[in-house]
Amino acid sequence: MFTIPSPLHPALVHFPIVLILAGTAAAVVAIFIRRWHLPWLAAGLMVAGAVGAAAATWSGEEDGELAGELSPQAEQILDEHEEWGERTRNLAILSGLLAGGAVVAIRFP
């Protein structure tokens, strides 16, 4: 039987990290090797990473409300973590759009 982890954020946050890193690696390889549909693979991984980053950000906001009363130092760390997560999400969305746009622009000139 499948159960949803609680809290959800730690379970979700690792998938976009791997997808974004794999998409970046595939994009770099696709610059030098134009085989195996690597540009499409890179774009797909980047878009999937962007969707995953959005889900991780959402789950972090939801789970952050469960943290309760925190010390000022812990609150500062949590705020910085949230800011970095939002930056990563925004850059992942931008990268996914650029990768998808590049593949479409090359395919349909």
N, C-alpha and C. Protein backbone atom coordinates (compact mmCIF):
# COMPACT_ATOMS: atom_id res chain seq x y z
N MET A 1 0.83 -1.16 0.00
CA MET A 1 0.00 0.00 0.00
C MET A 1 0.89 1.25 0.00
N PHE A 2 0.50 2.24 -0.77
CA PHE A 2 1.27 3.49 -0.89
C PHE A 2 0.77 4.51 0.10
N THR A 3 1.68 5.07 0.88
CA THR A 3 1.31 6.13 1.81
C THR A 3 2.07 7.40 1.45
N ILE A 4 1.44 8.52 1.66
CA ILE A 4 2.07 9.81 1.39
C ILE A 4 2.89 10.20 2.61
N PRO A 5 4.18 10.52 2.38
CA PRO A 5 5.02 10.88 3.52
C PRO A 5 4.54 12.17 4.19
N SER A 6 4.75 12.23 5.48
CA SER A 6 4.42 13.44 6.22
C SER A 6 5.58 13.75 7.13
N PRO A 7 6.24 14.86 6.98
CA PRO A 7 5.99 15.95 6.05
C PRO A 7 6.41 15.59 4.62
N LEU A 8 5.74 16.19 3.66
CA LEU A 8 5.92 15.86 2.25
C LEU A 8 7.16 16.52 1.64
N HIS A 9 7.52 17.68 2.11
CA HIS A 9 8.60 18.46 1.49
C HIS A 9 9.92 17.70 1.37
N PRO A 10 10.44 17.05 2.40
CA PRO A 10 11.72 16.34 2.24
C PRO A 10 11.67 15.25 1.17
N ALA A 11 10.53 14.64 0.99
CA ALA A 11 10.41 13.60 -0.03
C ALA A 11 10.37 14.18 -1.44
N LEU A 12 9.76 15.35 -1.60
CA LEU A 12 9.62 15.97 -2.92
C LEU A 12 10.85 16.73 -3.39
N VAL A 13 11.63 17.25 -2.49
CA VAL A 13 12.67 18.20 -2.87
C VAL A 13 13.83 17.55 -3.63
N HIS A 14 14.04 16.27 -3.48
CA HIS A 14 15.19 15.64 -4.12
C HIS A 14 14.97 15.36 -5.60
N PHE A 15 13.76 15.12 -6.02
CA PHE A 15 13.48 14.82 -7.42
C PHE A 15 13.83 15.98 -8.35
N PRO A 16 13.41 17.21 -8.07
CA PRO A 16 13.77 18.30 -8.98
C PRO A 16 15.27 18.57 -9.02
N ILE A 17 15.95 18.36 -7.90
CA ILE A 17 17.40 18.57 -7.89
C ILE A 17 18.06 17.63 -8.89
N VAL A 18 17.69 16.36 -8.84
CA VAL A 18 18.27 15.37 -9.75
C VAL A 18 17.86 15.66 -11.19
N LEU A 19 16.59 16.01 -11.42
CA LEU A 19 16.13 16.29 -12.77
C LEU A 19 16.83 17.51 -13.37
N ILE A 20 17.02 18.56 -12.59
CA ILE A 20 17.68 19.76 -13.08
C ILE A 20 19.15 19.47 -13.39
N LEU A 21 19.82 18.75 -12.50
CA LEU A 21 21.22 18.41 -12.75
C LEU A 21 21.37 17.49 -13.96
N ALA A 22 20.51 16.50 -14.09
CA ALA A 22 20.56 15.60 -15.24
C ALA A 22 20.23 16.35 -16.53
N GLY A 23 19.26 17.25 -16.49
CA GLY A 23 18.92 18.05 -17.66
C GLY A 23 20.05 18.95 -18.09
N THR A 24 20.74 19.54 -17.11
CA THR A 24 21.89 20.38 -17.42
C THR A 24 23.00 19.56 -18.06
N ALA A 25 23.28 18.39 -17.50
CA ALA A 25 24.31 17.52 -18.07
C ALA A 25 23.93 17.09 -19.49
N ALA A 26 22.68 16.73 -19.70
CA ALA A 26 22.23 16.33 -21.04
C ALA A 26 22.34 17.50 -22.02
N ALA A 27 22.05 18.71 -21.56
CA ALA A 27 22.15 19.88 -22.44
C ALA A 27 23.59 20.14 -22.83
N VAL A 28 24.52 19.99 -21.89
CA VAL A 28 25.94 20.19 -22.21
C VAL A 28 26.41 19.14 -23.20
N VAL A 29 26.03 17.89 -22.99
CA VAL A 29 26.41 16.82 -23.92
C VAL A 29 25.77 17.06 -25.29
N ALA A 30 24.53 17.56 -25.31
CA ALA A 30 23.83 17.81 -26.57
C ALA A 30 24.50 18.90 -27.40
N ILE A 31 25.26 19.76 -26.76
CA ILE A 31 26.00 20.79 -27.52
C ILE A 31 27.03 20.13 -28.43
N PHE A 32 27.64 19.06 -27.96
CA PHE A 32 28.72 18.41 -28.69
C PHE A 32 28.26 17.20 -29.50
N ILE A 33 27.21 16.55 -29.05
CA ILE A 33 26.72 15.33 -29.71
C ILE A 33 25.25 15.55 -30.06
N ARG A 34 24.95 15.53 -31.34
CA ARG A 34 23.56 15.74 -31.80
C ARG A 34 22.90 14.40 -32.15
N ARG A 35 22.94 13.47 -31.22
CA ARG A 35 22.33 12.17 -31.44
C ARG A 35 21.39 11.83 -30.29
N TRP A 36 20.67 10.76 -30.50
CA TRP A 36 19.81 10.17 -29.47
C TRP A 36 18.78 11.15 -28.93
N HIS A 37 18.43 12.12 -29.70
CA HIS A 37 17.44 13.11 -29.28
C HIS A 37 17.83 13.77 -27.96
N LEU A 38 19.11 14.00 -27.78
CA LEU A 38 19.59 14.61 -26.54
C LEU A 38 18.99 15.99 -26.26
N PRO A 39 18.82 16.85 -27.27
CA PRO A 39 18.18 18.14 -26.94
C PRO A 39 16.77 17.97 -26.39
N TRP A 40 16.02 17.02 -26.95
CA TRP A 40 14.66 16.77 -26.45
C TRP A 40 14.71 16.20 -25.02
N LEU A 41 15.65 15.31 -24.79
CA LEU A 41 15.81 14.74 -23.45
C LEU A 41 16.16 15.84 -22.44
N ALA A 42 17.12 16.70 -22.81
CA ALA A 42 17.52 17.78 -21.91
C ALA A 42 16.34 18.70 -21.61
N ALA A 43 15.59 19.07 -22.64
CA ALA A 43 14.44 19.95 -22.44
C ALA A 43 13.39 19.27 -21.56
N GLY A 44 13.14 18.00 -21.80
CA GLY A 44 12.16 17.28 -20.99
C GLY A 44 12.56 17.19 -19.53
N LEU A 45 13.84 16.92 -19.29
CA LEU A 45 14.32 16.86 -17.91
C LEU A 45 14.25 18.22 -17.23
N MET A 46 14.57 19.29 -17.98
CA MET A 46 14.51 20.63 -17.39
C MET A 46 13.07 21.04 -17.08
N VAL A 47 12.15 20.72 -17.97
CA VAL A 47 10.74 21.04 -17.72
C VAL A 47 10.21 20.22 -16.52
N ALA A 48 10.56 18.95 -16.48
CA ALA A 48 10.14 18.11 -15.35
C ALA A 48 10.75 18.63 -14.04
N GLY A 49 12.00 19.08 -14.10
CA GLY A 49 12.63 19.66 -12.92
C GLY A 49 11.94 20.93 -12.47
N ALA A 50 11.49 21.74 -13.43
CA ALA A 50 10.78 22.98 -13.09
C ALA A 50 9.44 22.67 -12.42
N VAL A 51 8.74 21.69 -12.95
CA VAL A 51 7.46 21.28 -12.33
C VAL A 51 7.70 20.73 -10.93
N GLY A 52 8.74 19.92 -10.80
CA GLY A 52 9.09 19.37 -9.49
C GLY A 52 9.51 20.45 -8.50
N ALA A 53 10.25 21.45 -8.99
CA ALA A 53 10.66 22.55 -8.11
C ALA A 53 9.46 23.35 -7.63
N ALA A 54 8.48 23.53 -8.51
CA ALA A 54 7.26 24.23 -8.11
C ALA A 54 6.52 23.42 -7.04
N ALA A 55 6.45 22.11 -7.22
CA ALA A 55 5.80 21.25 -6.23
C ALA A 55 6.56 21.26 -4.90
N ALA A 56 7.89 21.25 -4.97
CA ALA A 56 8.70 21.27 -3.75
C ALA A 56 8.53 22.59 -3.01
N THR A 57 8.46 23.70 -3.75
CA THR A 57 8.25 25.00 -3.13
C THR A 57 6.88 25.05 -2.45
N TRP A 58 5.88 24.55 -3.14
CA TRP A 58 4.53 24.52 -2.56
C TRP A 58 4.52 23.68 -1.28
N SER A 59 5.12 22.49 -1.33
CA SER A 59 5.11 21.63 -0.15
C SER A 59 5.92 22.23 0.98
N GLY A 60 6.99 22.97 0.65
CA GLY A 60 7.77 23.63 1.68
C GLY A 60 6.98 24.70 2.39
N GLU A 61 6.18 25.45 1.62
CA GLU A 61 5.34 26.47 2.25
C GLU A 61 4.30 25.83 3.16
N GLU A 62 3.73 24.71 2.70
CA GLU A 62 2.73 24.01 3.52
C GLU A 62 3.36 23.44 4.79
N ASP A 63 4.53 22.79 4.65
CA ASP A 63 5.17 22.18 5.80
C ASP A 63 5.79 23.22 6.72
N GLY A 64 6.16 24.39 6.17
CA GLY A 64 6.73 25.45 6.99
C GLY A 64 5.75 25.96 8.03
N GLU A 65 4.47 25.89 7.71
CA GLU A 65 3.45 26.32 8.67
C GLU A 65 3.36 25.38 9.87
N LEU A 66 3.85 24.15 9.70
CA LEU A 66 3.79 23.17 10.78
C LEU A 66 4.96 23.32 11.75
N ALA A 67 5.93 24.20 11.42
CA ALA A 67 7.14 24.31 12.23
C ALA A 67 6.86 24.84 13.63
N GLY A 68 5.82 25.63 13.78
CA GLY A 68 5.49 26.16 15.10
C GLY A 68 6.40 27.31 15.50
N GLU A 69 6.56 27.48 16.79
CA GLU A 69 7.40 28.57 17.33
C GLU A 69 8.87 28.19 17.20
N LEU A 70 9.64 29.09 16.57
CA LEU A 70 11.06 28.83 16.36
C LEU A 70 11.89 29.93 17.00
N SER A 71 13.13 29.59 17.29
CA SER A 71 14.05 30.60 17.80
C SER A 71 14.37 31.58 16.67
N PRO A 72 14.87 32.77 16.98
CA PRO A 72 15.21 33.73 15.93
C PRO A 72 16.24 33.19 14.93
N GLN A 73 17.21 32.41 15.41
CA GLN A 73 18.21 31.84 14.52
C GLN A 73 17.58 30.81 13.58
N ALA A 74 16.73 29.96 14.12
CA ALA A 74 16.06 28.96 13.29
C ALA A 74 15.12 29.62 12.30
N GLU A 75 14.46 30.70 12.71
CA GLU A 75 13.57 31.44 11.81
C GLU A 75 14.36 32.03 10.66
N GLN A 76 15.55 32.57 10.96
CA GLN A 76 16.41 33.14 9.91
C GLN A 76 16.86 32.06 8.93
N ILE A 77 17.25 30.91 9.44
CA ILE A 77 17.67 29.80 8.58
C ILE A 77 16.51 29.33 7.71
N LEU A 78 15.34 29.22 8.29
CA LEU A 78 14.16 28.79 7.52
C LEU A 78 13.82 29.80 6.44
N ASP A 79 13.93 31.11 6.75
CA ASP A 79 13.67 32.15 5.76
C ASP A 79 14.67 32.09 4.61
N GLU A 80 15.95 31.89 4.93
CA GLU A 80 16.97 31.77 3.88
C GLU A 80 16.72 30.53 3.02
N HIS A 81 16.34 29.44 3.65
CA HIS A 81 16.03 28.20 2.92
C HIS A 81 14.87 28.44 1.96
N GLU A 82 13.86 29.14 2.43
CA GLU A 82 12.70 29.45 1.59
C GLU A 82 13.10 30.34 0.41
N GLU A 83 13.94 31.34 0.66
CA GLU A 83 14.39 32.23 -0.42
C GLU A 83 15.18 31.46 -1.47
N TRP A 84 16.08 30.59 -1.03
CA TRP A 84 16.86 29.80 -2.00
C TRP A 84 15.96 28.83 -2.78
N GLY A 85 14.97 28.28 -2.12
CA GLY A 85 14.02 27.41 -2.82
C GLY A 85 13.24 28.16 -3.88
N GLU A 86 12.82 29.39 -3.57
CA GLU A 86 12.09 30.19 -4.55
C GLU A 86 12.98 30.61 -5.71
N ARG A 87 14.23 30.96 -5.41
CA ARG A 87 15.19 31.29 -6.48
C ARG A 87 15.41 30.10 -7.40
N THR A 88 15.59 28.94 -6.80
CA THR A 88 15.81 27.72 -7.58
C THR A 88 14.60 27.42 -8.45
N ARG A 89 13.41 27.54 -7.87
CA ARG A 89 12.19 27.32 -8.64
C ARG A 89 12.10 28.27 -9.82
N ASN A 90 12.35 29.56 -9.58
CA ASN A 90 12.25 30.55 -10.65
C ASN A 90 13.27 30.29 -11.76
N LEU A 91 14.51 29.96 -11.38
CA LEU A 91 15.53 29.66 -12.39
C LEU A 91 15.22 28.37 -13.13
N ALA A 92 14.66 27.39 -12.43
CA ALA A 92 14.29 26.14 -13.08
C ALA A 92 13.18 26.36 -14.10
N ILE A 93 12.20 27.19 -13.75
CA ILE A 93 11.13 27.50 -14.70
C ILE A 93 11.69 28.23 -15.91
N LEU A 94 12.57 29.20 -15.68
CA LEU A 94 13.19 29.92 -16.79
C LEU A 94 14.01 28.98 -17.66
N SER A 95 14.79 28.10 -17.04
CA SER A 95 15.61 27.15 -17.80
C SER A 95 14.74 26.18 -18.59
N GLY A 96 13.66 25.71 -17.99
CA GLY A 96 12.75 24.82 -18.70
C GLY A 96 12.11 25.48 -19.90
N LEU A 97 11.70 26.74 -19.73
CA LEU A 97 11.11 27.48 -20.86
C LEU A 97 12.14 27.72 -21.96
N LEU A 98 13.35 28.09 -21.58
CA LEU A 98 14.40 28.32 -22.58
C LEU A 98 14.78 27.03 -23.29
N ALA A 99 14.92 25.93 -22.55
CA ALA A 99 15.28 24.65 -23.17
C ALA A 99 14.18 24.18 -24.11
N GLY A 100 12.94 24.26 -23.66
CA GLY A 100 11.81 23.87 -24.53
C GLY A 100 11.71 24.76 -25.75
N GLY A 101 11.90 26.07 -25.55
CA GLY A 101 11.86 27.00 -26.69
C GLY A 101 12.98 26.75 -27.68
N ALA A 102 14.17 26.43 -27.17
CA ALA A 102 15.29 26.16 -28.07
C ALA A 102 15.04 24.92 -28.91
N VAL A 103 14.52 23.88 -28.30
CA VAL A 103 14.24 22.65 -29.04
C VAL A 103 13.18 22.89 -30.11
N VAL A 104 12.14 23.62 -29.76
CA VAL A 104 11.07 23.92 -30.72
C VAL A 104 11.61 24.82 -31.85
N ALA A 105 12.44 25.80 -31.49
CA ALA A 105 12.99 26.72 -32.50
C ALA A 105 13.91 25.98 -33.48
N ILE A 106 14.66 25.00 -32.98
CA ILE A 106 15.54 24.23 -33.86
C ILE A 106 14.72 23.27 -34.72
N ARG A 107 13.70 22.68 -34.14
CA ARG A 107 12.88 21.70 -34.86
C ARG A 107 12.01 22.34 -35.93
N PHE A 108 11.44 23.49 -35.61
CA PHE A 108 10.53 24.17 -36.53
C PHE A 108 11.05 25.58 -36.82
N PRO A 109 12.06 25.71 -37.72
CA PRO A 109 12.67 27.02 -37.97
C PRO A 109 11.75 28.00 -38.67
